[in-house]
Amino acid sequence: MSQSEEEGLFQEAMADALPLPASDKLPLPKPRSISPGQEYRREAARRTLDDQGFLPIAGIEPLAPEAVLSFKRPGVQYGVFLKLKRGEYPPGAVLDLHRLTAVQARREVYHFVHQCLQDEVRCALIIHGKGRGQCAVLKSYLARWLPMLDPVLAFHSAQGSHGGVGAVYLLLKKGALQKERNRRRFQLGER
């Protein structure tokens, strides 16, 4: 059947159809009013998604300049952590915190970690410096902040070639693209 024949049949079938009168239309439901508690929770959720404010500035335990940073979440294999510690994973991204205030560093670290996750970076390096005197300020903040960031699976002070105790390696969660690649790879039995 040709298109013109189909069009003719359609017009014939619809010849006696009438539009619905305006009064037969259903009114749209009124938007539900939002309680102050719901609005507060929604706003708090929006702030949490893009706010590094949950990373504390006060009450941080000071660390010595030569202190070694080391952290591993449960489930991270010992061999993987050992490779991170030895610097065997090349850093895919680097963040230098020299000359930043704690507030600036907090913002930079938060956004850096989330940008690494988005860019599919698994290992990153943050250079924080050793500090002056008896306290390494930025190192102390990082030791507290990094375990609070969900994408950070593990971290350890860097090897001498990457800054030694003045820098830290990060092992980050896989991004969505890497997870999908692995899913396909292992479903197909590839090696």
Protein backbone atom coordinates (compact mmCIF):
# COMPACT_ATOMS: atom_id res chain seq x y z
CA MET A 1 0.00 0.00 0.00
CA SER A 2 1.40 3.40 -0.94
CA GLN A 3 1.72 6.34 1.39
CA SER A 4 -1.03 8.30 -0.38
CA GLU A 5 -3.42 5.32 -0.02
CA GLU A 6 -2.59 5.10 3.71
CA GLU A 7 -3.18 8.83 4.09
CA GLY A 8 -6.56 8.52 2.34
CA LEU A 9 -7.65 5.65 4.60
CA PHE A 10 -6.58 7.60 7.68
CA GLN A 11 -8.54 10.72 6.59
CA GLU A 12 -11.60 8.55 5.88
CA ALA A 13 -11.41 6.90 9.31
CA MET A 14 -11.02 10.25 11.09
CA ALA A 15 -13.74 12.09 9.13
CA ASP A 16 -16.34 11.93 11.92
CA ALA A 17 -13.91 12.54 14.84
CA LEU A 18 -14.61 15.62 16.95
CA PRO A 19 -12.20 17.42 19.30
CA LEU A 20 -12.94 17.11 23.00
CA PRO A 21 -14.67 20.11 24.49
CA ALA A 22 -12.49 22.28 26.73
CA SER A 23 -14.62 21.46 29.79
CA ASP A 24 -13.76 17.76 29.48
CA LYS A 25 -10.09 18.40 30.16
CA LEU A 26 -8.79 17.32 33.53
CA PRO A 27 -7.23 20.04 35.64
CA LEU A 28 -3.54 19.65 36.31
CA PRO A 29 -2.78 18.60 39.88
CA LYS A 30 -1.70 21.44 42.11
CA PRO A 31 1.92 21.28 43.16
CA ARG A 32 2.29 19.88 46.65
CA SER A 33 3.46 22.34 49.19
CA ILE A 34 6.91 21.60 50.55
CA SER A 35 7.35 21.67 54.28
CA PRO A 36 10.24 23.68 55.74
CA GLY A 37 11.88 20.41 56.84
CA GLN A 38 11.75 18.99 53.31
CA GLU A 39 13.18 22.20 51.88
CA TYR A 40 16.01 22.13 54.44
CA ARG A 41 16.87 18.50 53.62
CA ARG A 42 16.82 19.19 49.88
CA GLU A 43 19.08 22.21 50.30
CA ALA A 44 21.45 20.23 52.54
CA ALA A 45 21.64 17.47 49.91
CA ARG A 46 22.43 20.02 47.18
CA ARG A 47 25.17 21.58 49.34
CA THR A 48 26.71 18.18 50.11
CA LEU A 49 26.97 17.29 46.43
CA ASP A 50 29.17 20.27 45.62
CA ASP A 51 30.39 21.54 48.97
CA GLN A 52 33.66 20.69 50.59
CA GLY A 53 32.42 22.27 53.83
CA PHE A 54 32.08 18.91 55.56
CA LEU A 55 35.89 18.70 55.58
CA PRO A 56 36.88 20.28 58.90
CA ILE A 57 39.32 23.13 59.35
CA ALA A 58 39.31 23.16 63.15
CA GLY A 59 40.38 20.41 65.53
CA ILE A 60 43.03 18.87 63.28
CA GLU A 61 45.80 16.94 65.02
CA PRO A 62 49.17 18.43 63.97
CA LEU A 63 51.68 16.10 62.33
CA ALA A 64 55.47 16.37 62.27
CA PRO A 65 57.09 17.28 58.94
CA GLU A 66 58.70 13.82 58.65
CA ALA A 67 55.50 11.89 59.49
CA VAL A 68 54.47 9.25 56.94
CA LEU A 69 50.85 9.31 55.81
CA SER A 70 49.26 5.91 55.29
CA PHE A 71 45.63 4.82 54.97
CA LYS A 72 43.83 1.84 53.41
CA ARG A 73 40.11 1.15 53.37
CA PRO A 74 38.93 -2.39 54.13
CA GLY A 75 38.72 -4.37 50.91
CA VAL A 76 41.79 -2.85 49.26
CA GLN A 77 44.13 -5.74 48.54
CA TYR A 78 47.47 -5.70 50.32
CA GLY A 79 49.38 -6.16 47.05
CA VAL A 80 47.61 -3.17 45.49
CA PHE A 81 48.39 -1.05 48.56
CA LEU A 82 52.02 -2.20 48.50
CA LYS A 83 52.34 -1.12 44.84
CA LEU A 84 50.83 2.27 45.71
CA LYS A 85 53.26 2.63 48.62
CA ARG A 86 56.23 1.79 46.38
CA GLY A 87 55.13 4.30 43.75
CA GLU A 88 54.58 1.61 41.12
CA TYR A 89 51.38 3.20 39.83
CA PRO A 90 52.15 6.27 37.71
CA PRO A 91 50.16 9.29 38.89
CA GLY A 92 47.55 10.28 36.31
CA ALA A 93 47.06 13.73 37.85
CA VAL A 94 49.02 16.01 40.19
CA LEU A 95 47.84 18.73 42.57
CA ASP A 96 50.33 21.14 44.17
CA LEU A 97 49.08 22.80 47.37
CA HIS A 98 52.13 24.97 48.05
CA ARG A 99 51.27 28.50 49.18
CA LEU A 100 47.55 27.76 49.68
CA THR A 101 45.60 28.48 52.83
CA ALA A 102 43.72 25.67 54.53
CA VAL A 103 40.41 26.90 53.10
CA GLN A 104 41.85 27.10 49.58
CA ALA A 105 43.51 23.70 49.94
CA ARG A 106 40.25 22.13 51.14
CA ARG A 107 38.41 23.40 48.06
CA GLU A 108 41.22 22.30 45.71
CA VAL A 109 41.53 18.81 47.22
CA TYR A 110 37.77 18.23 47.12
CA HIS A 111 37.45 19.28 43.49
CA PHE A 112 40.68 17.52 42.47
CA VAL A 113 39.52 14.16 43.84
CA HIS A 114 36.14 14.45 42.17
CA GLN A 115 37.69 15.60 38.88
CA CYS A 116 40.05 12.61 38.97
CA LEU A 117 37.06 10.32 39.44
CA GLN A 118 35.29 11.95 36.50
CA ASP A 119 38.44 11.73 34.33
CA GLU A 120 38.93 8.02 35.20
CA VAL A 121 42.24 8.68 37.04
CA ARG A 122 43.01 5.79 39.43
CA CYS A 123 46.26 7.06 40.94
CA ALA A 124 46.98 10.71 41.71
CA LEU A 125 49.64 12.68 43.54
CA ILE A 126 49.06 15.59 45.91
CA ILE A 127 52.10 17.68 46.80
CA HIS A 128 51.54 19.29 50.20
CA GLY A 129 55.09 20.12 51.27
CA LYS A 130 56.77 19.30 54.56
CA GLY A 131 55.86 22.49 56.33
CA ARG A 132 58.06 24.69 58.42
CA GLY A 133 59.01 24.25 62.02
CA GLN A 134 57.53 21.45 64.04
CA CYS A 135 54.16 21.13 62.30
CA ALA A 136 53.28 20.24 58.71
CA VAL A 137 49.99 22.13 58.42
CA LEU A 138 48.68 21.01 55.02
CA LYS A 139 49.89 17.44 55.61
CA SER A 140 47.91 17.42 58.87
CA TYR A 141 44.76 18.57 57.06
CA LEU A 142 45.19 15.99 54.29
CA ALA A 143 45.62 13.18 56.82
CA ARG A 144 42.20 14.13 58.19
CA TRP A 145 40.40 14.99 54.94
CA LEU A 146 41.39 12.18 52.61
CA PRO A 147 39.73 9.35 54.60
CA MET A 148 36.54 11.45 54.61
CA LEU A 149 36.40 11.54 50.80
CA ASP A 150 34.50 8.50 49.54
CA PRO A 151 36.40 8.13 46.22
CA VAL A 152 39.74 7.76 48.08
CA LEU A 153 40.42 4.05 48.63
CA ALA A 154 43.96 4.42 49.98
CA PHE A 155 46.84 6.87 50.28
CA HIS A 156 50.48 6.77 51.27
CA SER A 157 53.39 9.21 51.44
CA ALA A 158 55.23 9.34 48.13
CA GLN A 159 58.60 7.98 47.13
CA GLY A 160 61.55 10.40 47.13
CA SER A 161 61.35 10.91 43.36
CA HIS A 162 57.79 12.24 43.76
CA GLY A 163 58.38 14.42 46.82
CA GLY A 164 58.83 11.91 49.64
CA VAL A 165 56.98 12.82 52.85
CA GLY A 166 56.08 16.17 51.24
CA ALA A 167 53.61 14.45 48.88
CA VAL A 168 51.04 11.68 48.97
CA TYR A 169 49.86 9.07 46.45
CA LEU A 170 46.09 8.53 46.20
CA LEU A 171 44.37 5.36 45.02
CA LEU A 172 40.90 6.29 43.78
CA LYS A 173 37.77 4.34 43.00
CA LYS A 174 37.09 3.30 39.45
CA GLY A 175 34.93 5.65 37.45
CA ALA A 176 31.75 4.53 35.70
CA LEU A 177 33.54 4.00 32.36
CA GLN A 178 36.22 1.77 33.91
CA LYS A 179 33.58 -0.26 35.75
CA GLU A 180 31.68 -0.82 32.51
CA ARG A 181 34.88 -1.83 30.66
CA ASN A 182 35.70 -4.37 33.39
CA ARG A 183 32.14 -5.67 33.41
CA ARG A 184 32.28 -6.31 29.67
CA ARG A 185 35.80 -7.70 29.82
CA PHE A 186 35.00 -10.26 32.49
CA GLN A 187 31.59 -11.20 31.10
CA LEU A 188 33.22 -12.03 27.78
CA GLY A 189 35.98 -14.00 29.49
CA GLU A 190 38.81 -11.83 28.15
CA ARG A 191 42.14 -11.66 29.90
